[in-house]
Structure formats: structure tokens, C-alpha cells
PDB file of N, CA and C in Angstrom:
ATOM      1  N   UNK A   1      -1.192-142.522  66.561  1.00  0.00           N
ATOM      2  CA  UNK A   1      -0.946-141.773  65.347  1.00  0.00           C
ATOM      3  C   UNK A   1      -1.797-140.507  65.363  1.00  0.00           C
ATOM      4  N   UNK A   2      -1.167-139.428  64.987  1.00  0.00           N
ATOM      5  CA  UNK A   2      -1.898-138.167  64.922  1.00  0.00           C
ATOM      6  C   UNK A   2      -2.244-137.873  63.482  1.00  0.00           C
ATOM      7  N   UNK A   3      -3.366-137.229  63.315  1.00  0.00           N
ATOM      8  CA  UNK A   3      -3.831-136.886  61.974  1.00  0.00           C
ATOM      9  C   UNK A   3      -3.329-135.489  61.627  1.00  0.00           C
ATOM     10  N   UNK A   4      -2.520-135.386  60.602  1.00  0.00           N
ATOM     11  CA  UNK A   4      -1.962-134.100  60.203  1.00  0.00           C
ATOM     12  C   UNK A   4      -2.872-133.328  59.266  1.00  0.00           C
ATOM     13  N   UNK A   5      -4.066-133.844  58.984  1.00  0.00           N
ATOM     14  CA  UNK A   5      -4.953-133.148  58.063  1.00  0.00           C
ATOM     15  C   UNK A   5      -5.484-131.865  58.674  1.00  0.00           C
ATOM     16  N   UNK A   6      -5.471-131.755  60.019  1.00  0.00           N
ATOM     17  CA  UNK A   6      -5.933-130.525  60.642  1.00  0.00           C
ATOM     18  C   UNK A   6      -4.912-129.401  60.455  1.00  0.00           C
ATOM     19  N   UNK A   7      -3.651-129.779  60.201  1.00  0.00           N
ATOM     20  CA  UNK A   7      -2.645-128.767  59.926  1.00  0.00           C
ATOM     21  C   UNK A   7      -2.853-128.219  58.519  1.00  0.00           C
ATOM     22  N   UNK A   8      -2.191-127.141  58.235  1.00  0.00           N
ATOM     23  CA  UNK A   8      -2.354-126.500  56.938  1.00  0.00           C
ATOM     24  C   UNK A   8      -1.899-127.436  55.817  1.00  0.00           C
ATOM     25  N   UNK A   9      -2.811-127.857  54.934  1.00  0.00           N
ATOM     26  CA  UNK A   9      -2.401-128.712  53.818  1.00  0.00           C
ATOM     27  C   UNK A   9      -1.586-127.927  52.804  1.00  0.00           C
ATOM     28  N   UNK A  10      -1.772-126.620  52.819  1.00  0.00           N
ATOM     29  CA  UNK A  10      -1.031-125.742  51.936  1.00  0.00           C
ATOM     30  C   UNK A  10       0.376-125.539  52.463  1.00  0.00           C
ATOM     31  N   UNK A  11       1.216-124.976  51.647  1.00  0.00           N
ATOM     32  CA  UNK A  11       2.552-124.630  52.103  1.00  0.00           C
ATOM     33  C   UNK A  11       2.597-123.162  52.472  1.00  0.00           C
ATOM     34  N   UNK A  12       1.495-122.640  52.903  1.00  0.00           N
ATOM     35  CA  UNK A  12       1.440-121.224  53.246  1.00  0.00           C
ATOM     36  C   UNK A  12       1.178-120.396  52.012  1.00  0.00           C
ATOM     37  N   UNK A  13       1.213-119.111  52.195  1.00  0.00           N
ATOM     38  CA  UNK A  13       0.972-118.205  51.075  1.00  0.00           C
ATOM     39  C   UNK A  13       2.263-117.996  50.322  1.00  0.00           C
ATOM     40  N   UNK A  14       2.295-118.379  49.072  1.00  0.00           N
ATOM     41  CA  UNK A  14       3.505-118.221  48.271  1.00  0.00           C
ATOM     42  C   UNK A  14       3.464-116.915  47.512  1.00  0.00           C
ATOM     43  N   UNK A  15       4.642-116.379  47.281  1.00  0.00           N
ATOM     44  CA  UNK A  15       4.749-115.138  46.530  1.00  0.00           C
ATOM     45  C   UNK A  15       4.341-115.398  45.087  1.00  0.00           C
ATOM     46  N   UNK A  16       3.599-114.470  44.508  1.00  0.00           N
ATOM     47  CA  UNK A  16       3.122-114.615  43.131  1.00  0.00           C
ATOM     48  C   UNK A  16       3.449-113.362  42.339  1.00  0.00           C
ATOM     49  N   UNK A  17       3.661-113.555  41.037  1.00  0.00           N
ATOM     50  CA  UNK A  17       3.893-112.444  40.124  1.00  0.00           C
ATOM     51  C   UNK A  17       3.183-112.757  38.815  1.00  0.00           C
ATOM     52  N   UNK A  18       2.778-111.719  38.104  1.00  0.00           N
ATOM     53  CA  UNK A  18       2.149-111.876  36.794  1.00  0.00           C
ATOM     54  C   UNK A  18       2.993-111.125  35.783  1.00  0.00           C
ATOM     55  N   UNK A  19       3.323-111.787  34.670  1.00  0.00           N
ATOM     56  CA  UNK A  19       4.157-111.158  33.661  1.00  0.00           C
ATOM     57  C   UNK A  19       3.953-111.765  32.288  1.00  0.00           C
ATOM     58  N   UNK A  20       4.765-111.307  31.356  1.00  0.00           N
ATOM     59  CA  UNK A  20       4.669-111.727  29.961  1.00  0.00           C
ATOM     60  C   UNK A  20       5.924-112.511  29.599  1.00  0.00           C
ATOM     61  N   UNK A  21       5.745-113.630  28.910  1.00  0.00           N
ATOM     62  CA  UNK A  21       6.867-114.461  28.483  1.00  0.00           C
ATOM     63  C   UNK A  21       7.617-113.730  27.368  1.00  0.00           C
ATOM     64  N   UNK A  22       8.926-113.544  27.565  1.00  0.00           N
ATOM     65  CA  UNK A  22       9.737-112.874  26.549  1.00  0.00           C
ATOM     66  C   UNK A  22      10.760-113.817  25.934  1.00  0.00           C
ATOM     67  N   UNK A  23      10.895-115.023  26.465  1.00  0.00           N
ATOM     68  CA  UNK A  23      11.828-115.981  25.898  1.00  0.00           C
ATOM     69  C   UNK A  23      11.466-117.393  26.303  1.00  0.00           C
ATOM     70  N   UNK A  24      11.533-118.326  25.341  1.00  0.00           N
ATOM     71  CA  UNK A  24      11.237-119.732  25.636  1.00  0.00           C
ATOM     72  C   UNK A  24      12.164-120.664  24.859  1.00  0.00           C
ATOM     73  N   UNK A  25      13.410-120.247  24.656  1.00  0.00           N
ATOM     74  CA  UNK A  25      14.313-121.035  23.830  1.00  0.00           C
ATOM     75  C   UNK A  25      14.989-122.174  24.585  1.00  0.00           C
ATOM     76  N   UNK A  26      14.866-122.173  25.904  1.00  0.00           N
ATOM     77  CA  UNK A  26      15.475-123.238  26.698  1.00  0.00           C
ATOM     78  C   UNK A  26      14.477-124.357  26.944  1.00  0.00           C
ATOM     79  N   UNK A  27      14.963-125.516  27.307  1.00  0.00           N
ATOM     80  CA  UNK A  27      14.082-126.631  27.623  1.00  0.00           C
ATOM     81  C   UNK A  27      13.529-126.449  29.030  1.00  0.00           C
ATOM     82  N   UNK A  28      12.213-126.497  29.147  1.00  0.00           N
ATOM     83  CA  UNK A  28      11.505-126.412  30.434  1.00  0.00           C
ATOM     84  C   UNK A  28      11.772-125.126  31.201  1.00  0.00           C
ATOM     85  N   UNK A  29      12.199-124.084  30.506  1.00  0.00           N
ATOM     86  CA  UNK A  29      12.461-122.804  31.150  1.00  0.00           C
ATOM     87  C   UNK A  29      11.945-121.679  30.271  1.00  0.00           C
ATOM     88  N   UNK A  30      11.320-120.685  30.903  1.00  0.00           N
ATOM     89  CA  UNK A  30      10.882-119.488  30.188  1.00  0.00           C
ATOM     90  C   UNK A  30      11.412-118.265  30.928  1.00  0.00           C
ATOM     91  N   UNK A  31      11.577-117.183  30.192  1.00  0.00           N
ATOM     92  CA  UNK A  31      11.964-115.911  30.775  1.00  0.00           C
ATOM     93  C   UNK A  31      10.730-115.026  30.771  1.00  0.00           C
ATOM     94  N   UNK A  32      10.379-114.519  31.950  1.00  0.00           N
ATOM     95  CA  UNK A  32       9.152-113.737  32.107  1.00  0.00           C
ATOM     96  C   UNK A  32       9.514-112.331  32.553  1.00  0.00           C
ATOM     97  N   UNK A  33       8.979-111.334  31.851  1.00  0.00           N
ATOM     98  CA  UNK A  33       9.188-109.930  32.212  1.00  0.00           C
ATOM     99  C   UNK A  33       8.007-109.470  33.059  1.00  0.00           C
ATOM    100  N   UNK A  34       8.311-108.996  34.259  1.00  0.00           N
ATOM    101  CA  UNK A  34       7.285-108.505  35.174  1.00  0.00           C
ATOM    102  C   UNK A  34       7.461-107.002  35.306  1.00  0.00           C
ATOM    103  N   UNK A  35       6.389-106.264  35.039  1.00  0.00           N
ATOM    104  CA  UNK A  35       6.445-104.810  35.073  1.00  0.00           C
ATOM    105  C   UNK A  35       5.801-104.311  36.368  1.00  0.00           C
ATOM    106  N   UNK A  36       6.523-103.456  37.087  1.00  0.00           N
ATOM    107  CA  UNK A  36       5.997-102.853  38.305  1.00  0.00           C
ATOM    108  C   UNK A  36       6.110-101.339  38.182  1.00  0.00           C
ATOM    109  N   UNK A  37       5.327-100.639  38.968  1.00  0.00           N
ATOM    110  CA  UNK A  37       5.412 -99.181  38.990  1.00  0.00           C
ATOM    111  C   UNK A  37       5.964 -98.737  40.334  1.00  0.00           C
ATOM    112  N   UNK A  38       6.729 -97.676  40.301  1.00  0.00           N
ATOM    113  CA  UNK A  38       7.311 -97.131  41.513  1.00  0.00           C
ATOM    114  C   UNK A  38       7.285 -95.608  41.412  1.00  0.00           C
ATOM    115  N   UNK A  39       7.398 -94.974  42.567  1.00  0.00           N
ATOM    116  CA  UNK A  39       7.423 -93.520  42.584  1.00  0.00           C
ATOM    117  C   UNK A  39       8.847 -93.046  42.866  1.00  0.00           C
ATOM    118  N   UNK A  40       9.297 -92.092  42.073  1.00  0.00           N
ATOM    119  CA  UNK A  40      10.627 -91.541  42.263  1.00  0.00           C
ATOM    120  C   UNK A  40      10.667 -90.785  43.589  1.00  0.00           C
ATOM    121  N   UNK A  41      11.720 -91.023  44.366  1.00  0.00           N
ATOM    122  CA  UNK A  41      11.778 -90.443  45.709  1.00  0.00           C
ATOM    123  C   UNK A  41      11.901 -88.921  45.699  1.00  0.00           C
ATOM    124  N   UNK A  42      12.654 -88.398  44.756  1.00  0.00           N
ATOM    125  CA  UNK A  42      12.872 -86.956  44.725  1.00  0.00           C
ATOM    126  C   UNK A  42      11.810 -86.237  43.898  1.00  0.00           C
ATOM    127  N   UNK A  43      11.546 -86.741  42.689  1.00  0.00           N
ATOM    128  CA  UNK A  43      10.676 -86.030  41.758  1.00  0.00           C
ATOM    129  C   UNK A  43       9.217 -86.435  41.853  1.00  0.00           C
ATOM    130  N   UNK A  44       8.917 -87.447  42.638  1.00  0.00           N
ATOM    131  CA  UNK A  44       7.546 -87.890  42.897  1.00  0.00           C
ATOM    132  C   UNK A  44       6.786 -88.258  41.628  1.00  0.00           C
ATOM    133  N   UNK A  45       7.523 -88.729  40.628  1.00  0.00           N
ATOM    134  CA  UNK A  45       6.896 -89.175  39.384  1.00  0.00           C
ATOM    135  C   UNK A  45       6.798 -90.684  39.407  1.00  0.00           C
ATOM    136  N   UNK A  46       5.737 -91.218  38.830  1.00  0.00           N
ATOM    137  CA  UNK A  46       5.578 -92.666  38.738  1.00  0.00           C
ATOM    138  C   UNK A  46       6.273 -93.149  37.472  1.00  0.00           C
ATOM    139  N   UNK A  47       7.072 -94.196  37.615  1.00  0.00           N
ATOM    140  CA  UNK A  47       7.768 -94.763  36.472  1.00  0.00           C
ATOM    141  C   UNK A  47       7.614 -96.277  36.491  1.00  0.00           C
ATOM    142  N   UNK A  48       7.830 -96.893  35.327  1.00  0.00           N
ATOM    143  CA  UNK A  48       7.711 -98.341  35.194  1.00  0.00           C
ATOM    144  C   UNK A  48       9.084 -98.976  35.314  1.00  0.00           C
ATOM    145  N   UNK A  49       9.111-100.112  35.994  1.00  0.00           N
ATOM    146  CA  UNK A  49      10.349-100.867  36.129  1.00  0.00           C
ATOM    147  C   UNK A  49      10.062-102.292  35.687  1.00  0.00           C
ATOM    148  N   UNK A  50      10.930-102.837  34.824  1.00  0.00           N
ATOM    149  CA  UNK A  50      10.744-104.185  34.316  1.00  0.00           C
ATOM    150  C   UNK A  50      11.844-105.090  34.867  1.00  0.00           C
ATOM    151  N   UNK A  51      11.431-106.237  35.417  1.00  0.00           N
ATOM    152  CA  UNK A  51      12.374-107.228  35.922  1.00  0.00           C
ATOM    153  C   UNK A  51      12.137-108.533  35.186  1.00  0.00           C
ATOM    154  N   UNK A  52      13.212-109.261  34.909  1.00  0.00           N
ATOM    155  CA  UNK A  52      13.090-110.552  34.231  1.00  0.00           C
ATOM    156  C   UNK A  52      13.321-111.671  35.233  1.00  0.00           C
ATOM    157  N   UNK A  53      12.488-112.687  35.152  1.00  0.00           N
ATOM    158  CA  UNK A  53      12.597-113.847  36.027  1.00  0.00           C
ATOM    159  C   UNK A  53      12.639-115.110  35.181  1.00  0.00           C
ATOM    160  N   UNK A  54      13.484-116.049  35.588  1.00  0.00           N
ATOM    161  CA  UNK A  54      13.534-117.357  34.946  1.00  0.00           C
ATOM    162  C   UNK A  54      12.556-118.257  35.687  1.00  0.00           C
ATOM    163  N   UNK A  55      11.691-118.933  34.933  1.00  0.00           N
ATOM    164  CA  UNK A  55      10.661-119.766  35.557  1.00  0.00           C
ATOM    165  C   UNK A  55      10.646-121.153  34.930  1.00  0.00           C
ATOM    166  N   UNK A  56      10.278-122.126  35.747  1.00  0.00           N
ATOM    167  CA  UNK A  56      10.212-123.519  35.309  1.00  0.00           C
ATOM    168  C   UNK A  56       8.869-123.766  34.631  1.00  0.00           C
ATOM    169  N   UNK A  57       8.926-124.300  33.422  1.00  0.00           N
ATOM    170  CA  UNK A  57       7.730-124.632  32.639  1.00  0.00           C
ATOM    171  C   UNK A  57       7.834-126.108  32.278  1.00  0.00           C
ATOM    172  N   UNK A  58       7.288-126.958  33.114  1.00  0.00           N
ATOM    173  CA  UNK A  58       7.479-128.405  33.010  1.00  0.00           C
ATOM    174  C   UNK A  58       7.049-128.963  31.657  1.00  0.00           C
ATOM    175  N   UNK A  59       5.912-128.516  31.121  1.00  0.00           N
ATOM    176  CA  UNK A  59       5.365-129.097  29.897  1.00  0.00           C
ATOM    177  C   UNK A  59       5.718-128.307  28.640  1.00  0.00           C
ATOM    178  N   UNK A  60       6.548-127.275  28.752  1.00  0.00           N
ATOM    179  CA  UNK A  60       6.897-126.416  27.612  1.00  0.00           C
ATOM    180  C   UNK A  60       5.661-125.904  26.902  1.00  0.00           C
ATOM    181  N   UNK A  61       4.690-125.431  27.657  1.00  0.00           N
ATOM    182  CA  UNK A  61       3.429-124.983  27.062  1.00  0.00           C
ATOM    183  C   UNK A  61       3.374-123.474  26.827  1.00  0.00           C
ATOM    184  N   UNK A  62       4.367-122.733  27.314  1.00  0.00           N
ATOM    185  CA  UNK A  62       4.356-121.272  27.178  1.00  0.00           C
ATOM    186  C   UNK A  62       5.006-120.835  25.876  1.00  0.00           C
ATOM    187  N   UNK A  63       4.414-119.848  25.250  1.00  0.00           N
ATOM    188  CA  UNK A  63       4.947-119.240  24.044  1.00  0.00           C
ATOM    189  C   UNK A  63       5.260-117.778  24.333  1.00  0.00           C
ATOM    190  N   UNK A  64       6.111-117.178  23.518  1.00  0.00           N
ATOM    191  CA  UNK A  64       6.442-115.766  23.679  1.00  0.00           C
ATOM    192  C   UNK A  64       5.175-114.940  23.514  1.00  0.00           C
ATOM    193  N   UNK A  65       4.927-114.043  24.450  1.00  0.00           N
ATOM    194  CA  UNK A  65       3.743-113.194  24.414  1.00  0.00           C
ATOM    195  C   UNK A  65       2.650-113.646  25.360  1.00  0.00           C
ATOM    196  N   UNK A  66       2.728-114.865  25.886  1.00  0.00           N
ATOM    197  CA  UNK A  66       1.720-115.351  26.834  1.00  0.00           C
ATOM    198  C   UNK A  66       1.816-114.582  28.141  1.00  0.00           C
ATOM    199  N   UNK A  67       0.664-114.324  28.745  1.00  0.00           N
ATOM    200  CA  UNK A  67       0.626-113.715  30.081  1.00  0.00           C
ATOM    201  C   UNK A  67       0.494-114.857  31.078  1.00  0.00           C
ATOM    202  N   UNK A  68       1.417-114.951  32.026  1.00  0.00           N
ATOM    203  CA  UNK A  68       1.460-116.092  32.934  1.00  0.00           C
ATOM    204  C   UNK A  68       1.511-115.631  34.388  1.00  0.00           C
ATOM    205  N   UNK A  69       1.137-116.543  35.281  1.00  0.00           N
ATOM    206  CA  UNK A  69       1.236-116.308  36.720  1.00  0.00           C
ATOM    207  C   UNK A  69       2.362-117.171  37.255  1.00  0.00           C
ATOM    208  N   UNK A  70       3.308-116.557  37.965  1.00  0.00           N
ATOM    209  CA  UNK A  70       4.448-117.263  38.538  1.00  0.00           C
ATOM    210  C   UNK A  70       4.237-117.459  40.037  1.00  0.00           C
ATOM    211  N   UNK A  71       4.751-118.582  40.553  1.00  0.00           N
ATOM    212  CA  UNK A  71       4.692-118.873  41.974  1.00  0.00           C
ATOM    213  C   UNK A  71       6.108-119.166  42.447  1.00  0.00           C
ATOM    214  N   UNK A  72       6.470-118.633  43.593  1.00  0.00           N
ATOM    215  CA  UNK A  72       7.807-118.851  44.145  1.00  0.00           C
ATOM    216  C   UNK A  72       7.962-120.321  44.530  1.00  0.00           C
ATOM    217  N   UNK A  73       9.171-120.843  44.328  1.00  0.00           N
ATOM    218  CA  UNK A  73       9.451-122.234  44.658  1.00  0.00           C
ATOM    219  C   UNK A  73      10.894-122.338  45.133  1.00  0.00           C
ATOM    220  N   UNK A  74      11.302-123.527  45.501  1.00  0.00           N
ATOM    221  CA  UNK A  74      12.680-123.719  45.938  1.00  0.00           C
ATOM    222  C   UNK A  74      13.615-123.484  44.760  1.00  0.00           C
ATOM    223  N   UNK A  75      14.884-123.219  45.003  1.00  0.00           N
ATOM    224  CA  UNK A  75      15.818-123.027  43.893  1.00  0.00           C
ATOM    225  C   UNK A  75      15.921-124.286  43.036  1.00  0.00           C
ATOM    226  N   UNK A  76      15.649-124.140  41.737  1.00  0.00           N
ATOM    227  CA  UNK A  76      15.688-125.267  40.809  1.00  0.00           C
ATOM    228  C   UNK A  76      16.994-125.289  40.021  1.00  0.00           C
ATOM    229  N   UNK A  77      17.642-124.148  39.903  1.00  0.00           N
ATOM    230  CA  UNK A  77      18.935-124.059  39.233  1.00  0.00           C
ATOM    231  C   UNK A  77      19.604-122.770  39.699  1.00  0.00           C
ATOM    232  N   UNK A  78      20.651-122.377  39.015  1.00  0.00           N
ATOM    233  CA  UNK A  78      21.374-121.165  39.405  1.00  0.00           C
ATOM    234  C   UNK A  78      20.472-119.931  39.358  1.00  0.00           C
ATOM    235  N   UNK A  79      19.585-119.858  38.381  1.00  0.00           N
ATOM    236  CA  UNK A  79      18.750-118.675  38.201  1.00  0.00           C
ATOM    237  C   UNK A  79      17.257-118.908  38.445  1.00  0.00           C
ATOM    238  N   UNK A  80      16.809-120.154  38.383  1.00  0.00           N
ATOM    239  CA  UNK A  80      15.361-120.426  38.477  1.00  0.00           C
ATOM    240  C   UNK A  80      14.903-120.544  39.924  1.00  0.00           C
ATOM    241  N   UNK A  81      14.007-119.622  40.319  1.00  0.00           N
ATOM    242  CA  UNK A  81      13.375-119.674  41.636  1.00  0.00           C
ATOM    243  C   UNK A  81      11.867-119.540  41.526  1.00  0.00           C
ATOM    244  N   UNK A  82      11.335-119.624  40.319  1.00  0.00           N
ATOM    245  CA  UNK A  82       9.905-119.451  40.068  1.00  0.00           C
ATOM    246  C   UNK A  82       9.393-120.605  39.225  1.00  0.00           C
ATOM    247  N   UNK A  83       8.092-120.841  39.309  1.00  0.00           N
ATOM    248  CA  UNK A  83       7.436-121.896  38.547  1.00  0.00           C
ATOM    249  C   UNK A  83       6.192-121.299  37.907  1.00  0.00           C
ATOM    250  N   UNK A  84       5.902-121.698  36.669  1.00  0.00           N
ATOM    251  CA  UNK A  84       4.709-121.212  35.982  1.00  0.00           C
ATOM    252  C   UNK A  84       3.509-121.945  36.563  1.00  0.00           C
ATOM    253  N   UNK A  85       2.611-121.195  37.198  1.00  0.00           N
ATOM    254  CA  UNK A  85       1.426-121.800  37.807  1.00  0.00           C
ATOM    255  C   UNK A  85       0.327-121.991  36.773  1.00  0.00           C
ATOM    256  N   UNK A  86       0.123-120.969  35.936  1.00  0.00           N
ATOM    257  CA  UNK A  86      -0.903-121.083  34.903  1.00  0.00           C
ATOM    258  C   UNK A  86      -0.670-120.044  33.821  1.00  0.00           C
ATOM    259  N   UNK A  87      -1.214-120.336  32.655  1.00  0.00           N
ATOM    260  CA  UNK A  87      -1.184-119.386  31.550  1.00  0.00           C
ATOM    261  C   UNK A  87      -2.498-118.633  31.597  1.00  0.00           C
ATOM    262  N   UNK A  88      -2.426-117.321  31.807  1.00  0.00           N
ATOM    263  CA  UNK A  88      -3.642-116.522  31.950  1.00  0.00           C
ATOM    264  C   UNK A  88      -4.234-116.146  30.601  1.00  0.00           C
ATOM    265  N   UNK A  89      -3.366-115.661  29.691  1.00  0.00           N
ATOM    266  CA  UNK A  89      -3.818-115.249  28.360  1.00  0.00           C
ATOM    267  C   UNK A  89      -2.817-115.761  27.345  1.00  0.00           C
ATOM    268  N   UNK A  90      -3.311-116.446  26.337  1.00  0.00           N
ATOM    269  CA  UNK A  90      -2.445-116.938  25.254  1.00  0.00           C
ATOM    270  C   UNK A  90      -2.136-115.804  24.300  1.00  0.00           C
ATOM    271  N   UNK A  91      -0.954-115.852  23.680  1.00  0.00           N
ATOM    272  CA  UNK A  91      -0.576-114.822  22.712  1.00  0.00           C
ATOM    273  C   UNK A  91      -1.345-115.045  21.420  1.00  0.00           C
ATOM    274  N   UNK A  92      -1.484-113.975  20.656  1.00  0.00           N
ATOM    275  CA  UNK A  92      -2.269-114.039  19.409  1.00  0.00           C
ATOM    276  C   UNK A  92      -1.551-114.833  18.332  1.00  0.00           C
ATOM    277  N   UNK A  93      -0.245-114.647  18.214  1.00  0.00           N
ATOM    278  CA  UNK A  93       0.482-115.290  17.126  1.00  0.00           C
ATOM    279  C   UNK A  93       0.857-116.733  17.425  1.00  0.00           C
ATOM    280  N   UNK A  94       0.122-117.683  16.858  1.00  0.00           N
ATOM    281  CA  UNK A  94       0.429-119.097  16.893  1.00  0.00           C
ATOM    282  C   UNK A  94       0.584-119.652  18.215  1.00  0.00           C
TER     283      UNK A  94
END
């Protein structure tokens, strides 16, 4: 028998994103808006781009306005490819 503990116990480096919860009306699912900045190719101006991601929230602990960290995971449904790893900052309202 070989000991696999010498191999990487991790699943490698997973893609991560940080965003704000904008919707939590579904069961075990939240919608997270992630804001990125990009530079316009022609005008060389920096602009903000917002993308929405559906993420799995097993314990339904996220509220609208929470800042969360997402981790990439296997496809969980038609739209869900992310999982809420942790809540970084709780929202002020309730």
C-alpha cells in the first residue's frame, strides 16, 4: 500500500472571486455581483465592469449586502459553478 499523504491534499489552486450578494431569494443559492476594472482598448480609460455569479450557499447564511469570497467548484446546476467559501463582511441592515 502506498501512502497518498505525500501527494497534494489540496485540489490545487482554485479560482477565487470577491463580491457583494445582490440576491438571496432562492434556497441554498445567492447571486453575487463581482466588480472588475478594465482599460478601454482605444480610449485607454479605466472603466468598471460588473458580472453576476450564482453561488451555492449550503447554510443560507448570506444576506443581501454581504461581502463574500467565492471558490470555483464543479457544476452544481445549470448556472451554479461557484460556492461561498466565507462571508468577509456582514451587511449593516439586519
